[in-house]
Amino acid sequence: MKTLARLPLALLALALPLSLWAADTEFALVIRNHRFEPAELRVPAGQKIKLVVHNQDSTPEEFESHELNREKVIPGGAKANIYVGPLAPGRYPFFGEFNEKTARGALIAE
């Protein structure tokens, strides 16, 4: 009887969209010479994504975006994970607060 009691849970798990079980889509972003590379990063709209930001400079940089509502200081030589989304289609600018004139970029959700 215990096996029959678990059957509804198994059926529910099969009915859930596969996207709920899938890992976050991961994208790499590099900070080098006080610039983001790539400066524009195309990401899928409607999905939660994981940005892996690797600061290859020796000094810290702050990833900041008012549109994404994110702020994170990344020490020199370190990596940070930043989760965003799901995003509506559009352009979401970001910048490095410590080097605002050169460290600029955008996520383009499509």
N, C-alpha and C. Protein backbone atom coordinates (compact mmCIF):
# COMPACT_ATOMS: atom_id res chain seq x y z
N MET A 1 0.81 -1.20 0.00
CA MET A 1 0.00 0.00 0.00
C MET A 1 0.85 1.26 0.00
N LYS A 2 2.03 1.23 0.63
CA LYS A 2 2.87 2.41 0.66
C LYS A 2 3.32 2.81 -0.74
N THR A 3 3.54 1.83 -1.61
CA THR A 3 3.93 2.13 -2.99
C THR A 3 2.82 2.87 -3.70
N LEU A 4 1.59 2.47 -3.48
CA LEU A 4 0.45 3.15 -4.11
C LEU A 4 0.32 4.58 -3.58
N ALA A 5 0.65 4.80 -2.34
CA ALA A 5 0.56 6.14 -1.76
C ALA A 5 1.57 7.08 -2.41
N ARG A 6 2.70 6.57 -2.87
CA ARG A 6 3.72 7.39 -3.51
C ARG A 6 3.43 7.67 -4.97
N LEU A 7 2.53 6.91 -5.56
CA LEU A 7 2.22 7.06 -6.97
C LEU A 7 1.78 8.47 -7.35
N PRO A 8 0.88 9.13 -6.58
CA PRO A 8 0.50 10.50 -6.97
C PRO A 8 1.69 11.47 -6.99
N LEU A 9 2.63 11.31 -6.08
CA LEU A 9 3.82 12.17 -6.08
C LEU A 9 4.66 11.94 -7.32
N ALA A 10 4.82 10.69 -7.72
CA ALA A 10 5.59 10.37 -8.92
C ALA A 10 4.91 10.95 -10.15
N LEU A 11 3.60 10.86 -10.22
CA LEU A 11 2.87 11.41 -11.36
C LEU A 11 2.99 12.93 -11.40
N LEU A 12 2.95 13.56 -10.24
CA LEU A 12 3.10 15.01 -10.16
C LEU A 12 4.48 15.42 -10.65
N ALA A 13 5.50 14.70 -10.26
CA ALA A 13 6.86 15.01 -10.69
C ALA A 13 6.99 14.90 -12.21
N LEU A 14 6.33 13.93 -12.81
CA LEU A 14 6.38 13.79 -14.26
C LEU A 14 5.62 14.91 -14.97
N ALA A 15 4.62 15.46 -14.32
CA ALA A 15 3.80 16.50 -14.93
C ALA A 15 4.46 17.87 -14.88
N LEU A 16 5.43 18.08 -13.99
CA LEU A 16 6.10 19.38 -13.89
C LEU A 16 6.95 19.64 -15.11
N PRO A 17 7.04 20.88 -15.56
CA PRO A 17 7.89 21.19 -16.72
C PRO A 17 9.34 20.81 -16.45
N LEU A 18 10.00 20.34 -17.48
CA LEU A 18 11.40 19.96 -17.33
C LEU A 18 12.27 21.13 -16.93
N SER A 19 11.89 22.36 -17.28
CA SER A 19 12.71 23.52 -16.94
C SER A 19 12.86 23.70 -15.43
N LEU A 20 11.89 23.19 -14.66
CA LEU A 20 12.00 23.30 -13.21
C LEU A 20 13.10 22.39 -12.67
N TRP A 21 13.39 21.31 -13.38
CA TRP A 21 14.40 20.36 -12.93
C TRP A 21 15.77 20.69 -13.52
N ALA A 22 15.81 21.46 -14.60
CA ALA A 22 17.07 21.77 -15.28
C ALA A 22 17.91 22.74 -14.44
N ALA A 23 19.21 22.63 -14.62
CA ALA A 23 20.12 23.56 -13.94
C ALA A 23 19.97 24.94 -14.58
N ASP A 24 20.34 25.97 -13.83
CA ASP A 24 20.32 27.33 -14.38
C ASP A 24 21.24 27.38 -15.59
N THR A 25 20.84 28.16 -16.58
CA THR A 25 21.69 28.37 -17.74
C THR A 25 22.82 29.30 -17.30
N GLU A 26 24.06 28.91 -17.61
CA GLU A 26 25.23 29.61 -17.10
C GLU A 26 25.93 30.38 -18.22
N PHE A 27 26.33 31.62 -17.91
CA PHE A 27 27.04 32.47 -18.87
C PHE A 27 28.26 33.06 -18.19
N ALA A 28 29.37 33.13 -18.93
CA ALA A 28 30.63 33.66 -18.41
C ALA A 28 30.79 35.13 -18.80
N LEU A 29 31.25 35.91 -17.85
CA LEU A 29 31.55 37.32 -18.05
C LEU A 29 32.90 37.57 -17.39
N VAL A 30 33.81 38.23 -18.10
CA VAL A 30 35.16 38.47 -17.60
C VAL A 30 35.36 39.97 -17.41
N ILE A 31 36.06 40.32 -16.34
CA ILE A 31 36.51 41.70 -16.14
C ILE A 31 38.02 41.68 -16.37
N ARG A 32 38.45 42.41 -17.39
CA ARG A 32 39.87 42.46 -17.74
C ARG A 32 40.19 43.89 -18.18
N ASN A 33 41.26 44.45 -17.65
CA ASN A 33 41.65 45.84 -17.97
C ASN A 33 40.50 46.82 -17.72
N HIS A 34 39.78 46.57 -16.64
CA HIS A 34 38.67 47.42 -16.21
C HIS A 34 37.56 47.51 -17.25
N ARG A 35 37.35 46.41 -17.98
CA ARG A 35 36.27 46.30 -18.98
C ARG A 35 35.59 44.95 -18.84
N PHE A 36 34.31 44.91 -19.19
CA PHE A 36 33.58 43.64 -19.22
C PHE A 36 33.75 43.02 -20.60
N GLU A 37 34.00 41.72 -20.62
CA GLU A 37 34.12 40.96 -21.87
C GLU A 37 33.23 39.73 -21.77
N PRO A 38 32.30 39.55 -22.69
CA PRO A 38 31.95 40.47 -23.77
C PRO A 38 31.17 41.66 -23.23
N ALA A 39 31.19 42.75 -23.97
CA ALA A 39 30.47 43.95 -23.54
C ALA A 39 28.96 43.75 -23.66
N GLU A 40 28.54 42.93 -24.61
CA GLU A 40 27.13 42.57 -24.75
C GLU A 40 27.02 41.06 -24.69
N LEU A 41 26.12 40.61 -23.86
CA LEU A 41 25.95 39.18 -23.65
C LEU A 41 24.49 38.82 -23.93
N ARG A 42 24.27 37.98 -24.92
CA ARG A 42 22.91 37.57 -25.28
C ARG A 42 22.51 36.36 -24.43
N VAL A 43 21.34 36.50 -23.80
CA VAL A 43 20.84 35.46 -22.90
C VAL A 43 19.38 35.15 -23.28
N PRO A 44 18.90 33.97 -22.91
CA PRO A 44 17.51 33.64 -23.25
C PRO A 44 16.52 34.39 -22.35
N ALA A 45 15.51 34.95 -22.97
CA ALA A 45 14.43 35.59 -22.20
C ALA A 45 13.59 34.50 -21.54
N GLY A 46 12.98 34.84 -20.43
CA GLY A 46 12.06 33.92 -19.76
C GLY A 46 12.71 32.82 -18.96
N GLN A 47 14.03 32.88 -18.76
CA GLN A 47 14.73 31.86 -17.98
C GLN A 47 15.58 32.51 -16.90
N LYS A 48 15.70 31.81 -15.78
CA LYS A 48 16.64 32.24 -14.76
C LYS A 48 18.04 31.89 -15.27
N ILE A 49 18.97 32.82 -15.13
CA ILE A 49 20.33 32.55 -15.60
C ILE A 49 21.34 32.80 -14.48
N LYS A 50 22.48 32.19 -14.65
CA LYS A 50 23.59 32.35 -13.70
C LYS A 50 24.74 32.99 -14.45
N LEU A 51 25.15 34.17 -14.02
CA LEU A 51 26.34 34.82 -14.56
C LEU A 51 27.52 34.44 -13.69
N VAL A 52 28.55 33.91 -14.28
CA VAL A 52 29.79 33.63 -13.56
C VAL A 52 30.76 34.73 -13.98
N VAL A 53 31.00 35.66 -13.08
CA VAL A 53 31.83 36.83 -13.37
C VAL A 53 33.23 36.59 -12.80
N HIS A 54 34.22 36.59 -13.69
CA HIS A 54 35.60 36.36 -13.28
C HIS A 54 36.37 37.68 -13.40
N ASN A 55 36.77 38.22 -12.28
CA ASN A 55 37.55 39.46 -12.28
C ASN A 55 39.02 39.09 -12.42
N GLN A 56 39.55 39.27 -13.62
CA GLN A 56 40.95 38.94 -13.88
C GLN A 56 41.89 40.10 -13.57
N ASP A 57 41.34 41.24 -13.19
CA ASP A 57 42.18 42.35 -12.75
C ASP A 57 42.68 42.10 -11.33
N SER A 58 43.71 42.84 -10.94
CA SER A 58 44.25 42.67 -9.58
C SER A 58 43.49 43.50 -8.54
N THR A 59 42.62 44.38 -9.01
CA THR A 59 41.84 45.25 -8.12
C THR A 59 40.37 44.82 -8.10
N PRO A 60 39.64 45.11 -7.03
CA PRO A 60 38.23 44.74 -6.99
C PRO A 60 37.40 45.56 -7.97
N GLU A 61 36.26 45.00 -8.35
CA GLU A 61 35.30 45.71 -9.18
C GLU A 61 33.91 45.36 -8.67
N GLU A 62 33.00 46.30 -8.80
CA GLU A 62 31.63 46.06 -8.37
C GLU A 62 30.74 45.93 -9.59
N PHE A 63 30.13 44.76 -9.77
CA PHE A 63 29.13 44.57 -10.82
C PHE A 63 27.86 45.23 -10.31
N GLU A 64 27.33 46.18 -11.09
CA GLU A 64 26.12 46.87 -10.65
C GLU A 64 25.17 47.06 -11.82
N SER A 65 23.88 46.86 -11.55
CA SER A 65 22.85 47.11 -12.55
C SER A 65 21.57 47.52 -11.83
N HIS A 66 21.12 48.72 -12.14
CA HIS A 66 19.85 49.18 -11.56
C HIS A 66 18.69 48.39 -12.17
N GLU A 67 18.77 48.12 -13.48
CA GLU A 67 17.70 47.40 -14.17
C GLU A 67 17.57 45.95 -13.70
N LEU A 68 18.69 45.34 -13.35
CA LEU A 68 18.66 43.95 -12.85
C LEU A 68 18.53 43.89 -11.33
N ASN A 69 18.64 45.04 -10.69
CA ASN A 69 18.59 45.12 -9.23
C ASN A 69 19.66 44.24 -8.58
N ARG A 70 20.89 44.37 -9.07
CA ARG A 70 22.01 43.58 -8.57
C ARG A 70 23.21 44.48 -8.31
N GLU A 71 23.95 44.13 -7.25
CA GLU A 71 25.18 44.82 -6.86
C GLU A 71 26.07 43.79 -6.19
N LYS A 72 27.28 43.63 -6.68
CA LYS A 72 28.17 42.65 -6.06
C LYS A 72 29.62 43.06 -6.28
N VAL A 73 30.38 43.15 -5.19
CA VAL A 73 31.81 43.44 -5.28
C VAL A 73 32.53 42.11 -5.53
N ILE A 74 33.40 42.14 -6.53
CA ILE A 74 34.18 40.95 -6.89
C ILE A 74 35.65 41.29 -6.69
N PRO A 75 36.30 40.67 -5.71
CA PRO A 75 37.72 40.96 -5.46
C PRO A 75 38.58 40.64 -6.68
N GLY A 76 39.74 41.26 -6.76
CA GLY A 76 40.68 40.97 -7.84
C GLY A 76 41.05 39.50 -7.84
N GLY A 77 41.04 38.90 -9.04
CA GLY A 77 41.39 37.49 -9.19
C GLY A 77 40.31 36.51 -8.77
N ALA A 78 39.16 37.00 -8.39
CA ALA A 78 38.10 36.12 -7.87
C ALA A 78 36.95 35.98 -8.87
N LYS A 79 36.09 35.00 -8.59
CA LYS A 79 34.88 34.78 -9.37
C LYS A 79 33.67 34.96 -8.47
N ALA A 80 32.56 35.35 -9.07
CA ALA A 80 31.31 35.48 -8.33
C ALA A 80 30.17 35.00 -9.21
N ASN A 81 29.17 34.40 -8.57
CA ASN A 81 27.96 33.98 -9.26
C ASN A 81 26.87 35.01 -8.99
N ILE A 82 26.22 35.43 -10.07
CA ILE A 82 25.13 36.40 -9.96
C ILE A 82 23.93 35.80 -10.69
N TYR A 83 22.83 35.61 -9.96
CA TYR A 83 21.63 35.03 -10.53
C TYR A 83 20.65 36.13 -10.90
N VAL A 84 20.10 36.05 -12.10
CA VAL A 84 19.10 37.02 -12.55
C VAL A 84 18.00 36.28 -13.31
N GLY A 85 16.87 36.96 -13.40
CA GLY A 85 15.79 36.44 -14.23
C GLY A 85 14.74 35.71 -13.43
N PRO A 86 13.78 35.22 -14.20
CA PRO A 86 13.68 35.28 -15.65
C PRO A 86 13.45 36.71 -16.13
N LEU A 87 14.05 37.01 -17.29
CA LEU A 87 14.01 38.36 -17.84
C LEU A 87 13.04 38.45 -19.02
N ALA A 88 12.34 39.56 -19.10
CA ALA A 88 11.53 39.85 -20.28
C ALA A 88 12.50 40.23 -21.40
N PRO A 89 12.12 40.04 -22.66
CA PRO A 89 13.00 40.47 -23.74
C PRO A 89 13.36 41.95 -23.59
N GLY A 90 14.62 42.26 -23.82
CA GLY A 90 15.06 43.65 -23.70
C GLY A 90 16.54 43.75 -23.41
N ARG A 91 16.97 44.96 -23.17
CA ARG A 91 18.38 45.29 -22.90
C ARG A 91 18.51 45.71 -21.43
N TYR A 92 19.47 45.10 -20.73
CA TYR A 92 19.68 45.35 -19.31
C TYR A 92 21.13 45.78 -19.09
N PRO A 93 21.38 47.09 -19.02
CA PRO A 93 22.76 47.57 -18.85
C PRO A 93 23.32 47.25 -17.46
N PHE A 94 24.65 47.11 -17.41
CA PHE A 94 25.36 46.96 -16.14
C PHE A 94 26.67 47.72 -16.25
N PHE A 95 27.30 47.96 -15.12
CA PHE A 95 28.57 48.70 -15.11
C PHE A 95 29.39 48.30 -13.90
N GLY A 96 30.67 48.65 -13.96
CA GLY A 96 31.56 48.47 -12.83
C GLY A 96 31.66 49.79 -12.09
N GLU A 97 31.18 49.81 -10.89
CA GLU A 97 31.12 51.09 -10.16
C GLU A 97 32.50 51.68 -9.90
N PHE A 98 33.54 50.85 -9.76
CA PHE A 98 34.86 51.37 -9.45
C PHE A 98 35.59 51.91 -10.69
N ASN A 99 35.13 51.53 -11.89
CA ASN A 99 35.72 51.99 -13.15
C ASN A 99 34.59 52.27 -14.14
N GLU A 100 33.71 53.14 -13.74
CA GLU A 100 32.46 53.36 -14.46
C GLU A 100 32.64 53.84 -15.90
N LYS A 101 33.73 54.55 -16.18
CA LYS A 101 33.92 55.06 -17.55
C LYS A 101 34.25 53.95 -18.54
N THR A 102 34.93 52.90 -18.10
CA THR A 102 35.34 51.84 -19.03
C THR A 102 34.58 50.53 -18.83
N ALA A 103 34.19 50.22 -17.61
CA ALA A 103 33.54 48.94 -17.32
C ALA A 103 32.04 49.08 -17.53
N ARG A 104 31.60 48.84 -18.77
CA ARG A 104 30.19 48.96 -19.13
C ARG A 104 29.80 47.77 -19.98
N GLY A 105 28.55 47.36 -19.86
CA GLY A 105 28.06 46.26 -20.66
C GLY A 105 26.55 46.14 -20.57
N ALA A 106 26.03 45.09 -21.21
CA ALA A 106 24.59 44.87 -21.19
C ALA A 106 24.27 43.41 -21.43
N LEU A 107 23.24 42.95 -20.74
CA LEU A 107 22.62 41.67 -21.07
C LEU A 107 21.51 41.98 -22.06
N ILE A 108 21.43 41.18 -23.10
CA ILE A 108 20.35 41.33 -24.09
C ILE A 108 19.55 40.04 -24.04
N ALA A 109 18.34 40.15 -23.47
CA ALA A 109 17.47 38.98 -23.34
C ALA A 109 16.61 38.88 -24.60
N GLU A 110 16.70 37.72 -25.23
CA GLU A 110 15.90 37.51 -26.45
C GLU A 110 15.34 36.10 -26.51
